Amino acid sequence: MYYVCKRLEISAAHSLRLSYLSKCENLHGHNWILKIYCKSETLNEDGMVTDFTQIKKLISDALDHRNLNDVLPFNPTAENIAKWVCDMVPNCYKVEVWESEMNMAAYEK
């Protein structure tokens, strides 16, 4: 099995729709760190699992310097973002979304 991991930093804002009162309901931003893990039993014709540049283009172009509420069709929690990223990237099996140094959510297929 071959493995790769791409780390991205995304600057983006969001506000959360929650079932309880929270300051996170107000628009606020993070410098998100995304760790995107891909794997494959075989390499593509270029000798790669998934091209790092393709991962960056798919995710950064969609999310960087955006209001995530305007571009994602769901409540943009770190957990939901992790699943969305995993679904977007070929051969992805796990994503970590760090919204701060102390707070991380992950999704794994």
Protein backbone atom coordinates (compact mmCIF):
# COMPACT_ATOMS: atom_id res chain seq x y z
CA MET A 1 0.00 0.00 0.00
CA TYR A 2 1.22 3.50 -0.88
CA TYR A 3 0.37 6.50 1.33
CA VAL A 4 0.63 10.26 0.91
CA CYS A 5 -0.39 13.16 3.14
CA LYS A 6 -0.96 16.75 2.01
CA ARG A 7 -1.05 19.55 4.58
CA LEU A 8 -2.89 22.73 3.61
CA GLU A 9 -3.53 25.98 5.42
CA ILE A 10 -6.82 27.64 4.58
CA SER A 11 -7.96 31.04 5.82
CA ALA A 12 -11.75 31.07 5.91
CA ALA A 13 -14.73 32.32 7.88
CA HIS A 14 -17.87 30.54 8.98
CA SER A 15 -20.80 30.78 11.34
CA LEU A 16 -22.46 27.73 12.82
CA ARG A 17 -26.17 26.97 13.11
CA LEU A 18 -26.42 25.23 16.46
CA SER A 19 -29.17 23.87 18.70
CA TYR A 20 -27.82 25.91 21.63
CA LEU A 21 -26.56 29.45 22.18
CA SER A 22 -22.93 29.85 21.22
CA LYS A 23 -20.60 32.64 20.16
CA CYS A 24 -19.81 30.42 17.15
CA GLU A 25 -23.16 31.45 15.68
CA ASN A 26 -21.47 34.76 14.86
CA LEU A 27 -19.34 35.03 11.75
CA HIS A 28 -15.70 34.36 12.67
CA GLY A 29 -12.59 33.04 10.98
CA HIS A 30 -9.84 30.49 11.41
CA ASN A 31 -6.52 29.67 9.83
CA TRP A 32 -7.54 26.07 9.28
CA ILE A 33 -4.94 23.33 8.92
CA LEU A 34 -6.10 20.40 6.80
CA LYS A 35 -4.23 17.11 6.72
CA ILE A 36 -5.42 15.01 3.81
CA TYR A 37 -4.41 11.34 3.73
CA CYS A 38 -4.61 9.26 0.55
CA LYS A 39 -3.71 5.65 -0.19
CA SER A 40 -3.63 3.24 -3.09
CA GLU A 41 -2.40 -0.27 -3.76
CA THR A 42 -1.10 0.89 -7.13
CA LEU A 43 0.41 4.09 -8.49
CA ASN A 44 -1.06 5.99 -11.42
CA GLU A 45 0.75 6.33 -14.75
CA ASP A 46 2.79 9.21 -13.27
CA GLY A 47 3.95 7.12 -10.30
CA MET A 48 1.68 8.85 -7.78
CA VAL A 49 -1.16 7.98 -5.41
CA THR A 50 -2.75 11.41 -5.91
CA ASP A 51 -0.93 14.50 -7.17
CA PHE A 52 -0.29 16.99 -4.33
CA THR A 53 -1.04 19.86 -6.73
CA GLN A 54 -4.43 18.35 -7.59
CA ILE A 55 -5.31 18.07 -3.89
CA LYS A 56 -4.38 21.72 -3.31
CA LYS A 57 -6.34 22.89 -6.34
CA LEU A 58 -9.48 20.94 -5.40
CA ILE A 59 -9.57 22.16 -1.81
CA SER A 60 -7.79 25.53 -1.65
CA ASP A 61 -9.55 26.91 -4.72
CA ALA A 62 -12.91 26.04 -3.19
CA LEU A 63 -12.33 27.14 0.42
CA ASP A 64 -9.42 29.56 0.86
CA HIS A 65 -10.38 33.16 1.72
CA ARG A 66 -14.09 32.36 1.58
CA ASN A 67 -17.10 32.40 3.83
CA LEU A 68 -17.67 28.64 4.11
CA ASN A 69 -21.41 29.18 4.64
CA ASP A 70 -21.56 30.57 1.08
CA VAL A 71 -19.70 27.69 -0.60
CA LEU A 72 -20.64 24.55 1.34
CA PRO A 73 -24.19 23.11 1.31
CA PHE A 74 -24.15 22.12 5.00
CA ASN A 75 -23.45 23.50 8.46
CA PRO A 76 -19.67 24.09 8.18
CA THR A 77 -18.49 22.36 11.34
CA ALA A 78 -14.97 20.93 11.32
CA GLU A 79 -16.49 17.44 11.25
CA ASN A 80 -18.63 18.17 8.19
CA ILE A 81 -15.72 19.86 6.42
CA ALA A 82 -13.51 16.82 7.03
CA LYS A 83 -16.04 14.50 5.36
CA TRP A 84 -16.56 16.87 2.43
CA VAL A 85 -12.80 17.10 1.79
CA CYS A 86 -12.47 13.31 1.98
CA ASP A 87 -15.26 12.92 -0.59
CA MET A 88 -13.67 15.50 -2.93
CA VAL A 89 -10.11 14.10 -3.12
CA PRO A 90 -9.32 10.96 -5.13
CA ASN A 91 -7.99 8.05 -3.03
CA CYS A 92 -8.59 9.98 0.20
CA TYR A 93 -9.37 7.85 3.23
CA LYS A 94 -8.83 10.27 6.13
CA VAL A 95 -8.92 14.01 6.76
CA GLU A 96 -7.98 16.01 9.85
CA VAL A 97 -9.36 19.55 10.16
CA TRP A 98 -7.61 21.72 12.73
CA GLU A 99 -9.53 24.93 13.37
CA SER A 100 -7.03 25.94 16.04
CA GLU A 101 -3.91 24.52 17.65
CA MET A 102 -6.12 22.89 20.27
CA ASN A 103 -9.20 21.77 18.29
CA MET A 104 -9.26 19.05 15.63
CA ALA A 105 -11.96 16.96 14.00
CA ALA A 106 -11.29 13.97 11.75
CA TYR A 107 -13.19 11.85 9.28
CA GLU A 108 -12.03 8.42 8.12
CA LYS A 109 -13.71 6.17 5.55
